[in-house]
């Protein structure tokens, strides 16, 4: 079995290793100067390589076509992924939210582990080599009996089977330029509309610029389209010069991405999620009671980080110079409302260069969910981010890459 794998990212590397271990003659083609450029920068350079949750949560964390992944996830589970890396000598640890990282906190160690496994398995790696076209062997009315790959430099090579693992459109500098979509369309396959996902939000309100760099660790977020609740969660976020980012916001984008192409949405921040409105009001009253003669502006910092205090003073609509004992109940309720429902207008998403993944891709209706083989083109497989599959943050998207890679490798070699 002569197998060509196009793309040296997470899915391509894993598929190459698993197929070669089972006897396939594997050539891995990567147009960059090195393998795993995107993997290297994931998780802020720490590489959150999977999630140690149960299977139910794993599937629930997938936002596009979760049912398609049922067979792949059970065929190569998150535990299988952890076992694979640990057997290759990489020590792992599990952090908050069941996120799995290398113990060293270095994505380079994940990459080195994969590279060693690639070498050990006997995979032939071709760097600086772009696959420009996949040409089926056989007439137009026949099922292909193999493929010729047209490579950069006017070379052509033959393969019995081809794995397309070219990724999506996010982080173009890592080589994600949509090549896989072009290959799919050349074979008449449908590619769904694509947009950035796991990506920061642009916010209209100008005051967010004043908060640039401020990180909030324990906030609750809601995203609404009118009265319809689209997303709700608790965690960490970050203010930027253009809007908001951080794990909580990236996960929200995976749910809201397509809707934001058509309209603006509202983002509500609960800055004090541990307290009910009644408990928060009691705390405000207590603080006000202890500071009756102080100006409002001097009391606000007792509730917030220093950089947030001036913004919250302004948002409350209460005069900064007003003495605390002069503040009315209505004004106090307005201040409380700002804390529990700070309202921001989401005008859109940042671009692909800031997106962790791409939402959309090769339609899963064209692909066999148990094998990742194209239903109408035997021997042609699509794996990883090139498919219309995506999930929230937490290691779930890399699990998609590993599991779809394993399903394809298992199929071409007759089992693992």
Protein backbone atom coordinates (compact mmCIF):
# COMPACT_ATOMS: atom_id res chain seq x y z
CA UNK A 1 0.00 0.00 0.00
CA UNK A 2 1.56 3.24 -1.22
CA UNK A 3 -0.01 6.06 0.80
CA UNK A 4 0.42 9.80 0.24
CA UNK A 5 -0.47 12.12 3.13
CA UNK A 6 -0.84 15.79 2.17
CA UNK A 7 -0.20 18.15 5.09
CA UNK A 8 2.17 17.77 8.03
CA UNK A 9 -0.08 19.11 10.76
CA UNK A 10 -1.64 17.21 13.67
CA UNK A 11 -3.92 14.97 11.56
CA UNK A 12 -1.33 14.33 8.85
CA UNK A 13 1.43 13.41 11.29
CA UNK A 14 -0.76 11.07 13.36
CA UNK A 15 -2.21 9.37 10.25
CA UNK A 16 1.28 8.84 8.82
CA UNK A 17 2.56 7.24 12.02
CA UNK A 18 -0.42 4.92 12.54
CA UNK A 19 -0.57 3.82 8.87
CA UNK A 20 3.19 3.22 8.64
CA UNK A 21 3.15 1.17 11.85
CA UNK A 22 0.69 -1.16 10.16
CA UNK A 23 2.87 -1.67 7.12
CA UNK A 24 1.82 1.07 4.71
CA UNK A 25 4.54 2.72 2.63
CA UNK A 26 3.89 6.35 3.62
CA UNK A 27 5.05 9.60 2.02
CA UNK A 28 4.18 12.77 3.95
CA UNK A 29 4.15 15.97 1.89
CA UNK A 30 4.47 19.35 3.62
CA UNK A 31 4.87 22.63 1.75
CA UNK A 32 6.46 24.42 4.72
CA UNK A 33 10.08 24.12 5.81
CA UNK A 34 9.07 22.08 8.87
CA UNK A 35 6.23 19.94 10.22
CA UNK A 36 3.58 21.06 12.70
CA UNK A 37 3.87 24.85 12.42
CA UNK A 38 0.31 25.38 13.67
CA UNK A 39 0.59 22.71 16.38
CA UNK A 40 3.65 24.55 17.68
CA UNK A 41 1.65 27.70 18.44
CA UNK A 42 -1.51 26.07 19.83
CA UNK A 43 -2.48 26.70 23.45
CA UNK A 44 -0.19 29.75 23.56
CA UNK A 45 2.74 27.47 22.86
CA UNK A 46 1.74 24.90 25.48
CA UNK A 47 -0.37 22.60 23.22
CA UNK A 48 -3.63 21.50 24.82
CA UNK A 49 -3.52 18.14 23.03
CA UNK A 50 -6.84 16.62 24.14
CA UNK A 51 -9.44 16.70 26.92
CA UNK A 52 -9.75 14.01 29.60
CA UNK A 53 -13.55 14.30 29.93
CA UNK A 54 -16.02 11.46 29.35
CA UNK A 55 -17.25 10.58 25.87
CA UNK A 56 -20.59 12.31 26.34
CA UNK A 57 -18.89 15.66 27.05
CA UNK A 58 -16.42 15.08 24.24
CA UNK A 59 -19.24 14.77 21.72
CA UNK A 60 -21.23 17.64 23.30
CA UNK A 61 -18.21 19.93 22.86
CA UNK A 62 -18.29 19.47 19.07
CA UNK A 63 -20.37 22.26 17.51
CA UNK A 64 -20.54 21.19 13.85
CA UNK A 65 -21.73 17.66 12.98
CA UNK A 66 -21.00 15.89 16.30
CA UNK A 67 -22.90 12.72 15.25
CA UNK A 68 -20.47 12.24 12.37
CA UNK A 69 -17.64 11.81 14.91
CA UNK A 70 -19.27 9.10 17.02
CA UNK A 71 -17.47 6.22 15.34
CA UNK A 72 -14.11 8.05 15.05
CA UNK A 73 -14.12 9.15 18.70
CA UNK A 74 -14.89 5.66 19.95
CA UNK A 75 -12.32 4.17 17.54
CA UNK A 76 -9.50 6.36 18.87
CA UNK A 77 -10.53 7.91 22.17
CA UNK A 78 -9.01 10.71 24.24
CA UNK A 79 -7.51 7.98 26.45
CA UNK A 80 -5.97 6.38 23.36
CA UNK A 81 -4.41 9.75 22.50
CA UNK A 82 -2.95 10.10 26.00
CA UNK A 83 -1.67 6.51 25.88
CA UNK A 84 -0.07 7.15 22.48
CA UNK A 85 1.93 10.14 23.71
CA UNK A 86 2.88 8.60 27.03
CA UNK A 87 4.07 5.41 25.34
CA UNK A 88 6.24 7.61 23.13
CA UNK A 89 7.82 9.09 26.28
CA UNK A 90 5.88 12.36 26.68
CA UNK A 91 4.72 13.03 30.25
CA UNK A 92 1.26 14.60 30.46
CA UNK A 93 -0.78 16.49 33.05
CA UNK A 94 -4.48 17.33 33.38
CA UNK A 95 -5.46 20.89 34.29
CA UNK A 96 -8.70 22.75 35.03
CA UNK A 97 -11.52 21.76 32.72
CA UNK A 98 -9.84 18.37 32.05
CA UNK A 99 -7.42 20.02 29.61
CA UNK A 100 -4.44 17.80 28.85
CA UNK A 101 -1.00 19.40 28.39
CA UNK A 102 2.58 18.15 28.22
CA UNK A 103 4.04 18.27 31.72
CA UNK A 104 6.77 20.55 30.40
CA UNK A 105 4.21 23.13 29.12
CA UNK A 106 6.09 23.09 25.81
CA UNK A 107 4.31 22.40 22.51
CA UNK A 108 7.79 21.74 21.06
CA UNK A 109 7.88 18.55 23.14
CA UNK A 110 4.60 17.34 21.59
CA UNK A 111 6.02 18.06 18.16
CA UNK A 112 9.33 16.34 18.92
CA UNK A 113 7.41 13.27 20.13
CA UNK A 114 5.49 13.08 16.85
CA UNK A 115 8.63 13.62 14.77
CA UNK A 116 10.44 10.81 16.60
CA UNK A 117 7.47 8.50 16.05
CA UNK A 118 7.40 9.45 12.35
CA UNK A 119 11.07 8.59 11.97
CA UNK A 120 10.71 5.34 13.92
CA UNK A 121 7.74 4.27 11.80
CA UNK A 122 9.72 4.80 8.59
CA UNK A 123 7.58 7.58 7.10
CA UNK A 124 9.27 9.45 4.22
CA UNK A 125 8.88 13.18 4.92
CA UNK A 126 9.06 15.64 2.01
CA UNK A 127 9.40 19.25 3.20
CA UNK A 128 9.17 22.30 0.89
CA UNK A 129 6.96 20.11 -1.30
CA UNK A 130 3.57 21.42 -2.38
CA UNK A 131 0.97 19.09 -3.86
CA UNK A 132 -0.66 21.08 -6.64
CA UNK A 133 -3.12 18.55 -8.01
CA UNK A 134 -4.50 15.07 -7.30
CA UNK A 135 -5.16 13.22 -10.54
CA UNK A 136 -7.15 9.94 -10.40
CA UNK A 137 -5.83 6.98 -12.41
CA UNK A 138 -8.58 5.66 -14.68
CA UNK A 139 -11.12 7.12 -17.12
CA UNK A 140 -13.81 9.69 -16.21
CA UNK A 141 -16.48 6.97 -15.83
CA UNK A 142 -14.33 4.62 -13.78
CA UNK A 143 -13.61 4.46 -10.07
CA UNK A 144 -9.95 5.44 -9.58
CA UNK A 145 -7.43 2.64 -9.15
CA UNK A 146 -4.89 5.04 -7.68
CA UNK A 147 -3.73 8.64 -7.98
CA UNK A 148 -0.97 10.75 -9.45
CA UNK A 149 0.07 13.72 -7.35
CA UNK A 150 1.45 16.70 -9.24
CA UNK A 151 4.14 18.25 -7.03
CA UNK A 152 5.93 21.59 -7.10
CA UNK A 153 8.95 21.46 -9.40
CA UNK A 154 7.01 19.62 -12.14
CA UNK A 155 7.29 16.23 -10.46
CA UNK A 156 4.57 13.57 -10.31
CA UNK A 157 4.30 10.63 -7.92
CA UNK A 158 1.90 7.70 -7.69
CA UNK A 159 -0.13 6.64 -4.62
CA UNK A 160 -2.68 3.89 -4.06
CA UNK A 161 -4.49 6.10 -1.54
CA UNK A 162 -4.36 9.77 -0.55
CA UNK A 163 -5.08 11.45 2.80
CA UNK A 164 -5.89 15.15 2.52
CA UNK A 165 -4.87 16.74 5.86
CA UNK A 166 -4.31 20.32 4.71
CA UNK A 167 -6.21 22.13 7.48
CA UNK A 168 -8.52 25.08 6.98
CA UNK A 169 -7.91 28.80 6.47
CA UNK A 170 -6.85 29.91 9.96
CA UNK A 171 -3.28 31.13 10.58
CA UNK A 172 -2.36 31.38 6.90
CA UNK A 173 1.29 31.89 7.88
CA UNK A 174 1.36 28.22 8.98
CA UNK A 175 0.37 27.06 5.49
CA UNK A 176 -3.42 26.90 5.92
CA UNK A 177 -4.46 28.33 2.57
CA UNK A 178 -7.49 26.19 1.71
CA UNK A 179 -5.70 23.74 -0.61
CA UNK A 180 -7.85 20.86 0.63
CA UNK A 181 -11.04 22.65 -0.38
CA UNK A 182 -9.68 23.03 -3.90
CA UNK A 183 -8.79 19.32 -4.05
CA UNK A 184 -12.31 18.44 -2.86
CA UNK A 185 -13.96 20.67 -5.45
CA UNK A 186 -11.78 19.17 -8.20
CA UNK A 187 -13.52 15.85 -7.41
CA UNK A 188 -16.96 17.49 -7.36
CA UNK A 189 -17.32 17.43 -3.56
CA UNK A 190 -19.27 20.08 -1.70
CA UNK A 191 -17.39 22.52 0.52
CA UNK A 192 -19.62 24.35 3.01
CA UNK A 193 -19.29 28.08 3.71
CA UNK A 194 -16.24 28.81 5.82
CA UNK A 195 -15.66 31.46 8.49
CA UNK A 196 -13.16 32.04 11.31
CA UNK A 197 -13.93 30.27 14.61
CA UNK A 198 -12.41 30.21 18.08
CA UNK A 199 -11.63 33.83 17.32
CA UNK A 200 -11.89 37.11 19.28
CA UNK A 201 -14.87 39.49 19.00
CA UNK A 202 -14.84 43.05 17.70
CA UNK A 203 -16.76 45.33 20.12
CA UNK A 204 -18.37 48.69 19.25
CA UNK A 205 -18.14 50.41 22.65
CA UNK A 206 -15.03 52.67 22.64
CA UNK A 207 -14.32 52.17 26.36
CA UNK A 208 -12.95 48.65 25.73
CA UNK A 209 -9.74 50.29 24.43
CA UNK A 210 -9.20 51.76 27.90
CA UNK A 211 -9.26 48.20 29.28
CA UNK A 212 -6.78 46.74 26.79
CA UNK A 213 -4.74 43.96 28.42
CA UNK A 214 -7.07 43.55 31.42
CA UNK A 215 -7.78 39.87 32.12
CA UNK A 216 -10.82 38.80 34.17
CA UNK A 217 -10.63 35.26 35.56
CA UNK A 218 -14.07 34.59 37.00
CA UNK A 219 -16.78 36.09 34.84
CA UNK A 220 -20.01 34.73 33.41
CA UNK A 221 -20.83 35.52 29.78
CA UNK A 222 -24.04 35.45 27.78
CA UNK A 223 -24.35 36.12 24.05
CA UNK A 224 -27.84 36.99 22.81
CA UNK A 225 -29.54 37.64 19.50
CA UNK A 226 -32.39 39.84 20.73
CA UNK A 227 -33.98 37.73 23.46
CA UNK A 228 -32.60 34.44 22.14
CA UNK A 229 -29.73 33.10 24.25
CA UNK A 230 -27.01 31.70 21.98
CA UNK A 231 -24.19 31.05 24.45
CA UNK A 232 -23.66 31.01 28.20
CA UNK A 233 -20.59 30.01 30.20
CA UNK A 234 -18.21 30.94 33.00
CA UNK A 235 -14.44 31.43 32.90
CA UNK A 236 -11.66 33.74 31.77
CA UNK A 237 -11.66 36.60 29.25
CA UNK A 238 -9.42 39.42 28.14
CA UNK A 239 -10.03 42.99 26.91
CA UNK A 240 -8.09 44.04 23.79
CA UNK A 241 -7.69 47.21 21.71
CA UNK A 242 -10.44 45.96 19.35
CA UNK A 243 -12.78 44.14 21.73
CA UNK A 244 -12.61 40.94 23.77
CA UNK A 245 -10.72 37.65 23.64
CA UNK A 246 -9.71 34.79 25.96
CA UNK A 247 -10.94 31.18 26.32
CA UNK A 248 -14.53 32.14 27.17
CA UNK A 249 -14.89 34.41 24.15
CA UNK A 250 -13.22 31.95 21.76
CA UNK A 251 -15.70 29.26 22.79
CA UNK A 252 -18.58 31.72 22.32
CA UNK A 253 -17.37 32.40 18.77
CA UNK A 254 -17.71 28.71 17.87
CA UNK A 255 -21.45 29.01 18.52
CA UNK A 256 -22.03 32.51 17.13
CA UNK A 257 -19.64 32.72 14.16
CA UNK A 258 -22.10 32.18 11.32
CA UNK A 259 -24.77 34.43 12.85
CA UNK A 260 -22.25 37.26 13.23
CA UNK A 261 -21.79 37.30 9.47
CA UNK A 262 -25.37 38.56 9.19
CA UNK A 263 -25.98 40.73 12.26
CA UNK A 264 -24.64 42.25 15.44
CA UNK A 265 -25.13 40.45 18.75
CA UNK A 266 -25.17 41.50 22.39
CA UNK A 267 -22.60 40.28 24.91
CA UNK A 268 -23.49 40.48 28.62
CA UNK A 269 -20.82 40.18 31.30
CA UNK A 270 -21.63 39.22 34.87
CA UNK A 271 -18.62 40.58 36.75
CA UNK A 272 -19.79 39.13 40.08
CA UNK A 273 -21.21 35.70 39.16
CA UNK A 274 -20.61 34.24 42.64
CA UNK A 275 -23.19 36.63 44.12
CA UNK A 276 -26.94 36.81 43.53
CA UNK A 277 -28.42 40.26 42.94
CA UNK A 278 -29.63 40.31 46.55
CA UNK A 279 -26.20 39.34 47.90
CA UNK A 280 -24.47 41.89 45.70
CA UNK A 281 -26.90 44.62 46.78
CA UNK A 282 -26.20 43.78 50.43
CA UNK A 283 -22.47 44.07 49.73
CA UNK A 284 -22.92 47.43 47.96
CA UNK A 285 -25.02 48.72 50.88
CA UNK A 286 -22.39 47.57 53.36
CA UNK A 287 -19.62 49.29 51.38
CA UNK A 288 -21.70 52.46 51.02
CA UNK A 289 -22.52 52.45 54.71
CA UNK A 290 -18.83 52.35 55.61
CA UNK A 291 -18.00 55.18 53.18
CA UNK A 292 -20.96 57.55 53.54
CA UNK A 293 -19.04 60.78 53.10
CA UNK A 294 -16.64 59.64 50.41
CA UNK A 295 -17.08 60.47 46.73
CA UNK A 296 -18.52 57.68 44.58
CA UNK A 297 -15.36 57.55 42.44
CA UNK A 298 -13.31 56.61 45.52
CA UNK A 299 -15.59 53.75 46.54
CA UNK A 300 -15.89 52.01 43.14
CA UNK A 301 -12.29 50.58 43.23
CA UNK A 302 -13.27 48.42 46.22
CA UNK A 303 -15.42 46.36 43.82
CA UNK A 304 -13.13 46.08 40.76
CA UNK A 305 -9.54 45.95 39.50
CA UNK A 306 -8.09 49.48 39.37
CA UNK A 307 -8.29 49.75 35.56
CA UNK A 308 -11.93 48.74 35.47
CA UNK A 309 -13.09 51.17 38.17
CA UNK A 310 -13.21 54.39 36.04
CA UNK A 311 -15.12 52.59 33.27
CA UNK A 312 -17.67 51.17 35.73
CA UNK A 313 -18.06 54.60 37.34
CA UNK A 314 -18.89 56.05 33.93
CA UNK A 315 -21.18 53.14 32.96
CA UNK A 316 -23.23 53.53 36.14
CA UNK A 317 -24.28 57.04 35.14
CA UNK A 318 -23.65 58.23 38.70
CA UNK A 319 -21.64 61.44 39.06
CA UNK A 320 -18.09 60.51 40.19
CA UNK A 321 -18.10 63.44 42.66
CA UNK A 322 -21.38 62.51 44.30
CA UNK A 323 -21.15 61.65 48.00
CA UNK A 324 -22.12 58.04 48.69
CA UNK A 325 -24.87 58.99 51.16
CA UNK A 326 -26.56 61.02 48.39
CA UNK A 327 -26.83 58.07 45.99
CA UNK A 328 -30.47 57.06 45.47
CA UNK A 329 -31.80 53.51 45.44
CA UNK A 330 -32.45 53.83 41.70
CA UNK A 331 -28.81 54.81 41.10
CA UNK A 332 -27.60 51.96 43.29
CA UNK A 333 -29.72 49.50 41.30
CA UNK A 334 -28.25 50.88 38.09
CA UNK A 335 -24.72 50.34 39.45
CA UNK A 336 -25.67 46.77 40.44
CA UNK A 337 -27.13 46.15 36.97
CA UNK A 338 -23.83 47.27 35.37
CA UNK A 339 -21.97 44.67 37.43
CA UNK A 340 -24.38 41.82 36.68
CA UNK A 341 -25.12 42.72 33.06
CA UNK A 342 -22.37 44.83 31.54
CA UNK A 343 -23.61 45.19 27.96
CA UNK A 344 -21.32 45.14 24.92
CA UNK A 345 -22.18 45.15 21.21
CA UNK A 346 -20.43 42.45 19.15
CA UNK A 347 -20.01 43.86 15.64
CA UNK A 348 -18.17 40.87 14.16
CA UNK A 349 -15.25 38.49 14.34
CA UNK A 350 -11.54 39.02 13.90
CA UNK A 351 -10.01 37.45 10.78
CA UNK A 352 -8.52 34.05 9.96
CA UNK A 353 -5.07 35.18 11.10
CA UNK A 354 -6.38 35.35 14.67
CA UNK A 355 -8.69 32.33 14.43
CA UNK A 356 -7.64 29.05 16.06
CA UNK A 357 -9.74 27.04 13.60
CA UNK A 358 -12.01 27.32 10.56
CA UNK A 359 -15.74 26.65 10.81
CA UNK A 360 -16.98 24.93 7.65
CA UNK A 361 -15.09 22.79 5.13
CA UNK A 362 -15.53 19.60 3.12
CA UNK A 363 -19.12 18.49 3.70
CA UNK A 364 -19.29 15.41 5.92
CA UNK A 365 -22.16 14.12 3.77
CA UNK A 366 -19.50 13.32 1.17
CA UNK A 367 -17.44 11.27 3.67
CA UNK A 368 -17.93 7.87 5.31
CA UNK A 369 -17.93 8.59 9.08
CA UNK A 370 -16.35 5.25 9.95
CA UNK A 371 -13.40 5.52 7.55
CA UNK A 372 -13.03 9.19 6.44
CA UNK A 373 -13.04 7.90 2.84
CA UNK A 374 -14.82 9.93 0.19
CA UNK A 375 -18.03 8.03 -0.65
CA UNK A 376 -17.71 8.62 -4.40
CA UNK A 377 -13.92 8.46 -4.76
CA UNK A 378 -12.45 5.25 -3.28
CA UNK A 379 -8.94 5.76 -1.97
CA UNK A 380 -9.36 9.49 -1.28
CA UNK A 381 -9.66 10.45 2.39
CA UNK A 382 -10.17 13.78 4.20
CA UNK A 383 -9.05 14.16 7.82
CA UNK A 384 -8.76 16.89 10.45
CA UNK A 385 -9.69 20.55 10.09
CA UNK A 386 -10.26 20.37 6.33
CA UNK A 387 -13.62 18.73 7.18
CA UNK A 388 -16.73 20.62 8.30
CA UNK A 389 -16.06 19.77 11.96
CA UNK A 390 -15.22 22.10 14.84
CA UNK A 391 -15.50 22.28 18.61
CA UNK A 392 -15.06 24.67 21.54
CA UNK A 393 -11.66 25.28 23.16
CA UNK A 394 -10.19 22.73 25.56
CA UNK A 395 -8.32 20.23 23.37
CA UNK A 396 -11.43 19.05 21.51
CA UNK A 397 -10.32 20.23 18.06
CA UNK A 398 -7.05 18.33 18.30
CA UNK A 399 -9.02 15.26 19.39
CA UNK A 400 -10.98 15.60 16.12
CA UNK A 401 -7.66 15.62 14.24
CA UNK A 402 -6.25 12.57 16.05
CA UNK A 403 -9.48 10.52 15.81
CA UNK A 404 -10.20 11.19 12.13
CA UNK A 405 -6.54 10.43 11.33
CA UNK A 406 -6.76 7.11 13.16
CA UNK A 407 -9.99 6.16 11.39
CA UNK A 408 -8.41 6.69 7.96
CA UNK A 409 -5.15 4.91 8.92
CA UNK A 410 -7.08 1.95 10.29
CA UNK A 411 -9.07 1.67 7.05
CA UNK A 412 -6.20 1.73 4.55
CA UNK A 413 -4.17 -0.79 6.52
CA UNK A 414 -7.03 -3.10 7.48
CA UNK A 415 -6.89 -2.41 11.22
CA UNK A 416 -4.66 -1.27 14.06
